[in-house]
Amino acid sequence: MTVTERTGRPTADRLWEEHAALYARTLGAVCAGTVEHLLDAAQVGPCIRVLDVGTGPGTVAAAAVARGAAVTALDPSATMVALARAAAPRARVLVGALPRLPFRDACFDAAVGNFVLGHAGPAHAVVAELRRVVRPGGRVALTCWPDVPAAGQLLLGRALRAARVERIPTARLRPADAGHPGDAPGMAALLRAAGLRGASCTTVAWEHCVDPRAWSSGVARVLETGLLIPAPEPDVIAAVLRHHDASAAAFTAADGHLHLPHRALSARGRR
């Protein structure tokens, strides 16, 4: 993705470069819900040479290091790489991006990507590249968002519609032809088409538990970046937040925290 669009608006890559810490405590915290499942799918354990692509703030890399793996991680954002190095100081963390990786063939035992599909070029090219860098018998595991999201994933979109705010088209925030299947059979077929054996895909469900005030504050900051909506004026943000917070209240548990249901697809296969 280019740094800016022809209109001069920063792209998603540039915005998250500028707001990496915000990403880490909002969407990054949500995405952490699949990490252990992802590493299990890739059979990551002691002494396994694992590549974590699109590491972001390093959540997956840190969890893999905690399992005793030899971890290499990379992300296109230098700011994210700095966060990842702090989170996983025993990992080798580099600036780099799919769909072309700076590694020789068959140099890892496993390659994982937590929600990188849709942000790293054509899905078939991404999976083929991950297959290339794992050894014969090595594993590739990926998570992605499904076509049918869980209730906790719908709050912001519903709030935007209720406030009659137009959202920036997804296509403007992603590389061309970056789409991927949004269902389990489609994801398994994608991995098989890339030459991975025993390809399968399951659905992972979890609840993101968060303080409601912290969550609302994070949503407000995301809206202020201009990543999701054009011309994010204070009155517009306030209107969206009113609708969002009213809907989110239904997910408040006895502990006073929001328990937001989420759902993802988890695909895996071996070379």
C-alpha atoms as a PDB file:
ATOM      1  CA  MET A   1       0.000   0.000   0.000  1.00  0.00           C
ATOM      2  CA  THR A   2       1.236   3.492  -0.707  1.00  0.00           C
ATOM      3  CA  VAL A   3       1.796   5.862   2.165  1.00  0.00           C
ATOM      4  CA  THR A   4      -0.930   8.256   1.026  1.00  0.00           C
ATOM      5  CA  GLU A   5      -3.768   8.105  -1.423  1.00  0.00           C
ATOM      6  CA  ARG A   6      -4.096  10.507  -4.330  1.00  0.00           C
ATOM      7  CA  THR A   7      -6.492  12.560  -2.225  1.00  0.00           C
ATOM      8  CA  GLY A   8      -3.730  13.089   0.326  1.00  0.00           C
ATOM      9  CA  ARG A   9      -5.526  11.040   2.969  1.00  0.00           C
ATOM     10  CA  PRO A  10      -3.161   8.729   4.857  1.00  0.00           C
ATOM     11  CA  THR A  11      -3.740   5.047   4.214  1.00  0.00           C
ATOM     12  CA  ALA A  12      -4.299   2.459   6.945  1.00  0.00           C
ATOM     13  CA  ASP A  13      -0.588   1.575   6.983  1.00  0.00           C
ATOM     14  CA  ARG A  14       0.406   5.185   7.599  1.00  0.00           C
ATOM     15  CA  LEU A  15      -2.309   5.800  10.187  1.00  0.00           C
ATOM     16  CA  TRP A  16      -1.353   2.742  12.220  1.00  0.00           C
ATOM     17  CA  GLU A  17       2.286   3.769  11.874  1.00  0.00           C
ATOM     18  CA  GLU A  18       1.337   7.030  13.579  1.00  0.00           C
ATOM     19  CA  HIS A  19      -1.018   5.421  16.099  1.00  0.00           C
ATOM     20  CA  ALA A  20       0.636   2.085  16.864  1.00  0.00           C
ATOM     21  CA  ALA A  21       0.068   2.345  20.620  1.00  0.00           C
ATOM     22  CA  LEU A  22      -3.625   3.058  20.013  1.00  0.00           C
ATOM     23  CA  TYR A  23      -3.882  -0.007  17.799  1.00  0.00           C
ATOM     24  CA  ALA A  24      -2.169  -2.137  20.462  1.00  0.00           C
ATOM     25  CA  ARG A  25      -4.721  -1.263  23.132  1.00  0.00           C
ATOM     26  CA  THR A  26      -7.813  -1.427  20.895  1.00  0.00           C
ATOM     27  CA  LEU A  27      -7.925  -3.721  17.870  1.00  0.00           C
ATOM     28  CA  GLY A  28      -4.635  -5.341  18.825  1.00  0.00           C
ATOM     29  CA  ALA A  29      -6.061  -6.297  22.212  1.00  0.00           C
ATOM     30  CA  VAL A  30      -9.109  -7.829  20.518  1.00  0.00           C
ATOM     31  CA  CYS A  31      -6.934  -9.817  18.108  1.00  0.00           C
ATOM     32  CA  ALA A  32      -4.997 -11.287  21.019  1.00  0.00           C
ATOM     33  CA  GLY A  33      -7.974 -13.565  21.649  1.00  0.00           C
ATOM     34  CA  THR A  34      -6.858 -16.017  18.953  1.00  0.00           C
ATOM     35  CA  VAL A  35      -3.133 -16.138  19.700  1.00  0.00           C
ATOM     36  CA  GLU A  36      -2.911 -19.362  21.679  1.00  0.00           C
ATOM     37  CA  HIS A  37      -5.229 -21.150  19.256  1.00  0.00           C
ATOM     38  CA  LEU A  38      -3.098 -19.940  16.334  1.00  0.00           C
ATOM     39  CA  LEU A  39       0.106 -21.238  17.917  1.00  0.00           C
ATOM     40  CA  ASP A  40      -1.552 -24.559  18.751  1.00  0.00           C
ATOM     41  CA  ALA A  41      -2.651 -24.900  15.125  1.00  0.00           C
ATOM     42  CA  ALA A  42       0.955 -24.433  13.997  1.00  0.00           C
ATOM     43  CA  GLN A  43       2.228 -26.771  16.733  1.00  0.00           C
ATOM     44  CA  VAL A  44       4.562 -24.095  18.059  1.00  0.00           C
ATOM     45  CA  GLY A  45       6.634 -25.298  20.997  1.00  0.00           C
ATOM     46  CA  PRO A  46      10.206 -25.499  22.302  1.00  0.00           C
ATOM     47  CA  CYS A  47      12.943 -25.031  19.692  1.00  0.00           C
ATOM     48  CA  ILE A  48      10.449 -24.638  16.818  1.00  0.00           C
ATOM     49  CA  ARG A  49      11.652 -22.065  14.285  1.00  0.00           C
ATOM     50  CA  VAL A  50       8.565 -19.929  13.780  1.00  0.00           C
ATOM     51  CA  LEU A  51       7.906 -16.937  11.555  1.00  0.00           C
ATOM     52  CA  ASP A  52       5.237 -14.463  12.717  1.00  0.00           C
ATOM     53  CA  VAL A  53       4.160 -12.236   9.834  1.00  0.00           C
ATOM     54  CA  GLY A  54       2.390  -8.941  10.457  1.00  0.00           C
ATOM     55  CA  THR A  55       3.361  -9.119  14.103  1.00  0.00           C
ATOM     56  CA  GLY A  56       1.991  -5.674  14.953  1.00  0.00           C
ATOM     57  CA  PRO A  57       2.736  -4.985  18.635  1.00  0.00           C
ATOM     58  CA  GLY A  58       4.325  -8.419  18.991  1.00  0.00           C
ATOM     59  CA  THR A  59       1.588 -10.286  20.832  1.00  0.00           C
ATOM     60  CA  VAL A  60       1.999 -13.501  18.848  1.00  0.00           C
ATOM     61  CA  ALA A  61       5.795 -13.266  18.896  1.00  0.00           C
ATOM     62  CA  ALA A  62       5.852 -12.874  22.682  1.00  0.00           C
ATOM     63  CA  ALA A  63       3.514 -15.828  23.174  1.00  0.00           C
ATOM     64  CA  ALA A  64       5.642 -18.002  20.874  1.00  0.00           C
ATOM     65  CA  VAL A  65       8.810 -17.039  22.747  1.00  0.00           C
ATOM     66  CA  ALA A  66       7.062 -17.991  25.998  1.00  0.00           C
ATOM     67  CA  ARG A  67       6.564 -21.476  24.524  1.00  0.00           C
ATOM     68  CA  GLY A  68      10.304 -21.789  23.934  1.00  0.00           C
ATOM     69  CA  ALA A  69      10.198 -21.227  20.167  1.00  0.00           C
ATOM     70  CA  ALA A  70      12.926 -19.520  18.147  1.00  0.00           C
ATOM     71  CA  VAL A  71      10.920 -16.588  16.798  1.00  0.00           C
ATOM     72  CA  THR A  72      11.419 -14.336  13.802  1.00  0.00           C
ATOM     73  CA  ALA A  73       8.749 -11.675  13.390  1.00  0.00           C
ATOM     74  CA  LEU A  74       8.206  -8.884  10.920  1.00  0.00           C
ATOM     75  CA  ASP A  75       5.856  -5.999  10.245  1.00  0.00           C
ATOM     76  CA  PRO A  76       5.795  -3.253   7.595  1.00  0.00           C
ATOM     77  CA  SER A  77       5.571  -0.527  10.265  1.00  0.00           C
ATOM     78  CA  ALA A  78       8.803   0.528  11.978  1.00  0.00           C
ATOM     79  CA  THR A  79       6.737   1.828  14.906  1.00  0.00           C
ATOM     80  CA  MET A  80       5.048  -1.540  15.310  1.00  0.00           C
ATOM     81  CA  VAL A  81       8.421  -3.248  15.108  1.00  0.00           C
ATOM     82  CA  ALA A  82       9.630  -1.106  18.004  1.00  0.00           C
ATOM     83  CA  LEU A  83       6.613  -2.174  20.069  1.00  0.00           C
ATOM     84  CA  ALA A  84       7.165  -5.811  19.130  1.00  0.00           C
ATOM     85  CA  ARG A  85      10.829  -5.701  20.104  1.00  0.00           C
ATOM     86  CA  ALA A  86       9.813  -4.358  23.506  1.00  0.00           C
ATOM     87  CA  ALA A  87       7.118  -7.025  23.921  1.00  0.00           C
ATOM     88  CA  ALA A  88       9.324  -9.897  22.710  1.00  0.00           C
ATOM     89  CA  PRO A  89      12.966  -8.969  23.340  1.00  0.00           C
ATOM     90  CA  ARG A  90      14.132 -12.532  22.696  1.00  0.00           C
ATOM     91  CA  ALA A  91      12.578 -12.575  19.224  1.00  0.00           C
ATOM     92  CA  ARG A  92      14.264 -11.404  16.040  1.00  0.00           C
ATOM     93  CA  VAL A  93      11.951  -8.636  14.829  1.00  0.00           C
ATOM     94  CA  LEU A  94      12.393  -7.031  11.406  1.00  0.00           C
ATOM     95  CA  VAL A  95      10.721  -4.480   9.176  1.00  0.00           C
ATOM     96  CA  GLY A  96       9.253  -6.369   6.224  1.00  0.00           C
ATOM     97  CA  ALA A  97       6.014  -7.317   4.575  1.00  0.00           C
ATOM     98  CA  LEU A  98       4.143  -9.894   2.595  1.00  0.00           C
ATOM     99  CA  PRO A  99       3.612 -10.972  -0.109  1.00  0.00           C
ATOM    100  CA  ARG A 100       7.406 -11.149  -0.654  1.00  0.00           C
ATOM    101  CA  LEU A 101       9.426 -12.240   2.347  1.00  0.00           C
ATOM    102  CA  PRO A 102      13.203 -11.719   2.720  1.00  0.00           C
ATOM    103  CA  PHE A 103      13.891 -15.342   3.625  1.00  0.00           C
ATOM    104  CA  ARG A 104      15.220 -18.352   1.744  1.00  0.00           C
ATOM    105  CA  ASP A 105      13.076 -21.383   0.999  1.00  0.00           C
ATOM    106  CA  ALA A 106      12.252 -23.875   3.765  1.00  0.00           C
ATOM    107  CA  CYS A 107      13.985 -22.013   6.592  1.00  0.00           C
ATOM    108  CA  PHE A 108      11.187 -22.212   9.209  1.00  0.00           C
ATOM    109  CA  ASP A 109       9.326 -25.036  10.900  1.00  0.00           C
ATOM    110  CA  ALA A 110       6.130 -22.981  11.079  1.00  0.00           C
ATOM    111  CA  ALA A 111       4.723 -19.707   9.790  1.00  0.00           C
ATOM    112  CA  VAL A 112       1.789 -17.912  11.402  1.00  0.00           C
ATOM    113  CA  GLY A 113      -0.216 -14.795  10.649  1.00  0.00           C
ATOM    114  CA  ASN A 114      -2.819 -13.373  12.990  1.00  0.00           C
ATOM    115  CA  PHE A 115      -5.359 -11.412  10.917  1.00  0.00           C
ATOM    116  CA  VAL A 116      -2.893 -10.507   8.165  1.00  0.00           C
ATOM    117  CA  LEU A 117      -5.111 -11.745   5.346  1.00  0.00           C
ATOM    118  CA  GLY A 118      -6.828  -8.804   3.730  1.00  0.00           C
ATOM    119  CA  HIS A 119      -3.934  -6.464   4.497  1.00  0.00           C
ATOM    120  CA  ALA A 120      -0.937  -8.022   2.774  1.00  0.00           C
ATOM    121  CA  GLY A 121      -1.724  -8.477  -0.902  1.00  0.00           C
ATOM    122  CA  PRO A 122      -3.662 -11.200  -2.719  1.00  0.00           C
ATOM    123  CA  ALA A 123      -4.569 -14.004  -0.328  1.00  0.00           C
ATOM    124  CA  HIS A 124      -3.328 -16.746  -2.663  1.00  0.00           C
ATOM    125  CA  ALA A 125       0.074 -15.027  -2.937  1.00  0.00           C
ATOM    126  CA  VAL A 126       0.298 -14.635   0.850  1.00  0.00           C
ATOM    127  CA  VAL A 127      -0.403 -18.310   1.505  1.00  0.00           C
ATOM    128  CA  ALA A 128       1.961 -19.437  -1.260  1.00  0.00           C
ATOM    129  CA  GLU A 129       4.756 -17.311   0.197  1.00  0.00           C
ATOM    130  CA  LEU A 130       4.229 -18.704   3.675  1.00  0.00           C
ATOM    131  CA  ARG A 131       4.324 -22.222   2.238  1.00  0.00           C
ATOM    132  CA  ARG A 132       7.604 -21.385   0.488  1.00  0.00           C
ATOM    133  CA  VAL A 133       9.434 -20.418   3.661  1.00  0.00           C
ATOM    134  CA  VAL A 134       8.456 -23.457   5.752  1.00  0.00           C
ATOM    135  CA  ARG A 135      10.285 -26.771   5.466  1.00  0.00           C
ATOM    136  CA  PRO A 136       8.632 -29.894   4.058  1.00  0.00           C
ATOM    137  CA  GLY A 137       6.232 -31.041   6.746  1.00  0.00           C
ATOM    138  CA  GLY A 138       6.253 -27.550   8.278  1.00  0.00           C
ATOM    139  CA  ARG A 139       2.993 -25.856   9.195  1.00  0.00           C
ATOM    140  CA  VAL A 140       1.212 -22.687   8.154  1.00  0.00           C
ATOM    141  CA  ALA A 141      -1.553 -21.256  10.333  1.00  0.00           C
ATOM    142  CA  LEU A 142      -3.650 -18.145   9.723  1.00  0.00           C
ATOM    143  CA  THR A 143      -6.567 -16.374  11.337  1.00  0.00           C
ATOM    144  CA  CYS A 144      -8.970 -14.005   9.613  1.00  0.00           C
ATOM    145  CA  TRP A 145     -12.303 -12.338  10.173  1.00  0.00           C
ATOM    146  CA  PRO A 146     -15.362 -14.217   8.879  1.00  0.00           C
ATOM    147  CA  ASP A 147     -18.151 -12.977   6.660  1.00  0.00           C
ATOM    148  CA  VAL A 148     -20.587 -13.493   9.549  1.00  0.00           C
ATOM    149  CA  PRO A 149     -19.208 -11.651  12.605  1.00  0.00           C
ATOM    150  CA  ALA A 150     -20.177 -12.137  16.235  1.00  0.00           C
ATOM    151  CA  ALA A 151     -22.279  -9.603  18.121  1.00  0.00           C
ATOM    152  CA  GLY A 152     -19.310  -7.837  19.694  1.00  0.00           C
ATOM    153  CA  GLN A 153     -17.867  -7.090  16.262  1.00  0.00           C
ATOM    154  CA  LEU A 154     -21.002  -5.305  15.073  1.00  0.00           C
ATOM    155  CA  LEU A 155     -21.204  -2.488  17.625  1.00  0.00           C
ATOM    156  CA  LEU A 156     -19.232   0.191  15.824  1.00  0.00           C
ATOM    157  CA  GLY A 157     -20.762  -0.463  12.417  1.00  0.00           C
ATOM    158  CA  ARG A 158     -24.248  -0.255  13.874  1.00  0.00           C
ATOM    159  CA  ALA A 159     -23.365   2.937  15.717  1.00  0.00           C
ATOM    160  CA  LEU A 160     -22.099   4.531  12.515  1.00  0.00           C
ATOM    161  CA  ARG A 161     -25.318   3.629  10.721  1.00  0.00           C
ATOM    162  CA  ALA A 162     -27.468   4.846  13.615  1.00  0.00           C
ATOM    163  CA  ALA A 163     -25.609   8.165  13.598  1.00  0.00           C
ATOM    164  CA  ARG A 164     -25.922   8.266   9.800  1.00  0.00           C
ATOM    165  CA  VAL A 165     -22.185   8.532   9.355  1.00  0.00           C
ATOM    166  CA  GLU A 166     -20.646   7.268   6.134  1.00  0.00           C
ATOM    167  CA  ARG A 167     -17.773   4.869   6.631  1.00  0.00           C
ATOM    168  CA  ILE A 168     -14.655   4.993   4.469  1.00  0.00           C
ATOM    169  CA  PRO A 169     -14.925   2.117   1.949  1.00  0.00           C
ATOM    170  CA  THR A 170     -12.868  -0.882   3.001  1.00  0.00           C
ATOM    171  CA  ALA A 171     -11.301  -1.054  -0.457  1.00  0.00           C
ATOM    172  CA  ARG A 172      -9.517   2.262   0.194  1.00  0.00           C
ATOM    173  CA  LEU A 173      -7.752   0.816   3.218  1.00  0.00           C
ATOM    174  CA  ARG A 174      -6.487  -2.443   1.759  1.00  0.00           C
ATOM    175  CA  PRO A 175      -4.166  -3.554  -1.035  1.00  0.00           C
ATOM    176  CA  ALA A 176      -5.753  -4.347  -4.368  1.00  0.00           C
ATOM    177  CA  ASP A 177      -7.090  -7.904  -4.695  1.00  0.00           C
ATOM    178  CA  ALA A 178      -6.447  -8.581  -1.001  1.00  0.00           C
ATOM    179  CA  GLY A 179      -9.749 -10.318  -0.385  1.00  0.00           C
ATOM    180  CA  HIS A 180      -9.940 -13.742   1.189  1.00  0.00           C
ATOM    181  CA  PRO A 181     -12.722 -16.280   1.747  1.00  0.00           C
ATOM    182  CA  GLY A 182     -14.882 -15.456   4.744  1.00  0.00           C
ATOM    183  CA  ASP A 183     -16.017 -18.996   5.521  1.00  0.00           C
ATOM    184  CA  ALA A 184     -14.294 -22.152   6.732  1.00  0.00           C
ATOM    185  CA  PRO A 185     -14.640 -24.224   3.524  1.00  0.00           C
ATOM    186  CA  GLY A 186     -13.312 -21.337   1.463  1.00  0.00           C
ATOM    187  CA  MET A 187     -10.306 -20.849   3.704  1.00  0.00           C
ATOM    188  CA  ALA A 188      -9.456 -24.555   3.627  1.00  0.00           C
ATOM    189  CA  ALA A 189      -9.704 -24.487  -0.168  1.00  0.00           C
ATOM    190  CA  LEU A 190      -7.407 -21.448  -0.300  1.00  0.00           C
ATOM    191  CA  LEU A 191      -4.706 -23.323   1.610  1.00  0.00           C
ATOM    192  CA  ARG A 192      -5.115 -26.451  -0.519  1.00  0.00           C
ATOM    193  CA  ALA A 193      -4.804 -24.376  -3.691  1.00  0.00           C
ATOM    194  CA  ALA A 194      -1.454 -23.080  -2.415  1.00  0.00           C
ATOM    195  CA  GLY A 195      -0.198 -26.660  -2.084  1.00  0.00           C
ATOM    196  CA  LEU A 196      -0.664 -27.156   1.640  1.00  0.00           C
ATOM    197  CA  ARG A 197      -1.648 -30.667   2.699  1.00  0.00           C
ATOM    198  CA  GLY A 198      -4.241 -31.570   5.300  1.00  0.00           C
ATOM    199  CA  ALA A 199      -5.725 -28.089   5.081  1.00  0.00           C
ATOM    200  CA  SER A 200      -8.601 -27.374   7.432  1.00  0.00           C
ATOM    201  CA  CYS A 201     -10.348 -24.435   9.006  1.00  0.00           C
ATOM    202  CA  THR A 202     -12.368 -24.037  12.191  1.00  0.00           C
ATOM    203  CA  THR A 203     -14.199 -21.203  13.900  1.00  0.00           C
ATOM    204  CA  VAL A 204     -12.730 -19.713  17.071  1.00  0.00           C
ATOM    205  CA  ALA A 205     -14.988 -17.843  19.493  1.00  0.00           C
ATOM    206  CA  TRP A 206     -13.938 -15.722  22.464  1.00  0.00           C
ATOM    207  CA  GLU A 207     -15.057 -12.792  24.579  1.00  0.00           C
ATOM    208  CA  HIS A 208     -13.010  -9.619  24.700  1.00  0.00           C
ATOM    209  CA  CYS A 209     -13.187  -8.459  28.321  1.00  0.00           C
ATOM    210  CA  VAL A 210     -12.526  -4.740  28.763  1.00  0.00           C
ATOM    211  CA  ASP A 211     -13.405  -1.800  31.006  1.00  0.00           C
ATOM    212  CA  PRO A 212     -16.276   0.076  29.303  1.00  0.00           C
ATOM    213  CA  ARG A 213     -14.727   3.508  29.820  1.00  0.00           C
ATOM    214  CA  ALA A 214     -11.396   2.393  28.410  1.00  0.00           C
ATOM    215  CA  TRP A 215     -13.154   0.777  25.460  1.00  0.00           C
ATOM    216  CA  SER A 216     -15.251   3.860  24.720  1.00  0.00           C
ATOM    217  CA  SER A 217     -12.156   6.048  24.951  1.00  0.00           C
ATOM    218  CA  GLY A 218     -10.334   3.778  22.511  1.00  0.00           C
ATOM    219  CA  VAL A 219     -13.232   3.851  20.059  1.00  0.00           C
ATOM    220  CA  ALA A 220     -13.243   7.655  20.240  1.00  0.00           C
ATOM    221  CA  ARG A 221      -9.518   7.811  19.505  1.00  0.00           C
ATOM    222  CA  VAL A 222      -9.871   5.441  16.557  1.00  0.00           C
ATOM    223  CA  LEU A 223     -12.609   7.653  15.127  1.00  0.00           C
ATOM    224  CA  GLU A 224     -10.422  10.728  15.595  1.00  0.00           C
ATOM    225  CA  THR A 225      -7.667   9.225  13.428  1.00  0.00           C
ATOM    226  CA  GLY A 226      -9.857   9.390  10.325  1.00  0.00           C
ATOM    227  CA  LEU A 227      -9.181   5.721   9.668  1.00  0.00           C
ATOM    228  CA  LEU A 228     -12.866   4.782   9.604  1.00  0.00           C
ATOM    229  CA  ILE A 229     -14.792   7.956   8.853  1.00  0.00           C
ATOM    230  CA  PRO A 230     -14.056  11.066   6.788  1.00  0.00           C
ATOM    231  CA  ALA A 231     -13.911  14.470   8.494  1.00  0.00           C
ATOM    232  CA  PRO A 232     -14.199  13.174  12.062  1.00  0.00           C
ATOM    233  CA  GLU A 233     -15.636  16.293  13.715  1.00  0.00           C
ATOM    234  CA  PRO A 234     -16.220  16.270  17.501  1.00  0.00           C
ATOM    235  CA  ASP A 235     -20.016  16.355  17.190  1.00  0.00           C
ATOM    236  CA  VAL A 236     -19.936  13.421  14.770  1.00  0.00           C
ATOM    237  CA  ILE A 237     -17.725  11.391  17.082  1.00  0.00           C
ATOM    238  CA  ALA A 238     -19.981  12.217  20.033  1.00  0.00           C
ATOM    239  CA  ALA A 239     -23.057  11.023  18.132  1.00  0.00           C
ATOM    240  CA  VAL A 240     -21.399   7.748  17.159  1.00  0.00           C
ATOM    241  CA  LEU A 241     -20.217   7.177  20.726  1.00  0.00           C
ATOM    242  CA  ARG A 242     -23.716   7.702  22.145  1.00  0.00           C
ATOM    243  CA  HIS A 243     -25.088   4.950  19.930  1.00  0.00           C
ATOM    244  CA  HIS A 244     -22.068   2.720  20.483  1.00  0.00           C
ATOM    245  CA  ASP A 245     -22.086   2.984  24.265  1.00  0.00           C
ATOM    246  CA  ALA A 246     -25.837   2.422  24.469  1.00  0.00           C
ATOM    247  CA  SER A 247     -25.502  -0.824  22.494  1.00  0.00           C
ATOM    248  CA  ALA A 248     -22.375  -1.928  24.338  1.00  0.00           C
ATOM    249  CA  ALA A 249     -24.135  -1.640  27.693  1.00  0.00           C
ATOM    250  CA  ALA A 250     -26.008  -4.857  26.901  1.00  0.00           C
ATOM    251  CA  PHE A 251     -22.689  -6.725  27.166  1.00  0.00           C
ATOM    252  CA  THR A 252     -21.824  -5.475  30.661  1.00  0.00           C
ATOM    253  CA  ALA A 253     -21.278  -8.398  33.050  1.00  0.00           C
ATOM    254  CA  ALA A 254     -21.535  -8.561  36.820  1.00  0.00           C
ATOM    255  CA  ASP A 255     -17.857  -7.619  37.117  1.00  0.00           C
ATOM    256  CA  GLY A 256     -18.628  -4.261  35.481  1.00  0.00           C
ATOM    257  CA  HIS A 257     -16.611  -5.064  32.363  1.00  0.00           C
ATOM    258  CA  LEU A 258     -17.798  -5.463  28.810  1.00  0.00           C
ATOM    259  CA  HIS A 259     -17.660  -9.054  27.564  1.00  0.00           C
ATOM    260  CA  LEU A 260     -17.804  -8.617  23.802  1.00  0.00           C
ATOM    261  CA  PRO A 261     -18.347 -11.823  21.771  1.00  0.00           C
ATOM    262  CA  HIS A 262     -15.985 -12.237  18.828  1.00  0.00           C
ATOM    263  CA  ARG A 263     -15.525 -14.870  16.153  1.00  0.00           C
ATOM    264  CA  ALA A 264     -12.689 -15.668  13.736  1.00  0.00           C
ATOM    265  CA  LEU A 265     -11.635 -18.325  11.266  1.00  0.00           C
ATOM    266  CA  SER A 266      -8.520 -20.359  12.020  1.00  0.00           C
ATOM    267  CA  ALA A 267      -6.970 -22.185   9.054  1.00  0.00           C
ATOM    268  CA  ARG A 268      -3.977 -24.488   9.013  1.00  0.00           C
ATOM    269  CA  GLY A 269      -2.104 -26.870   6.708  1.00  0.00           C
ATOM    270  CA  ARG A 270       1.333 -28.383   6.227  1.00  0.00           C
ATOM    271  CA  ARG A 271       3.814 -28.273   3.408  1.00  0.00           C
END
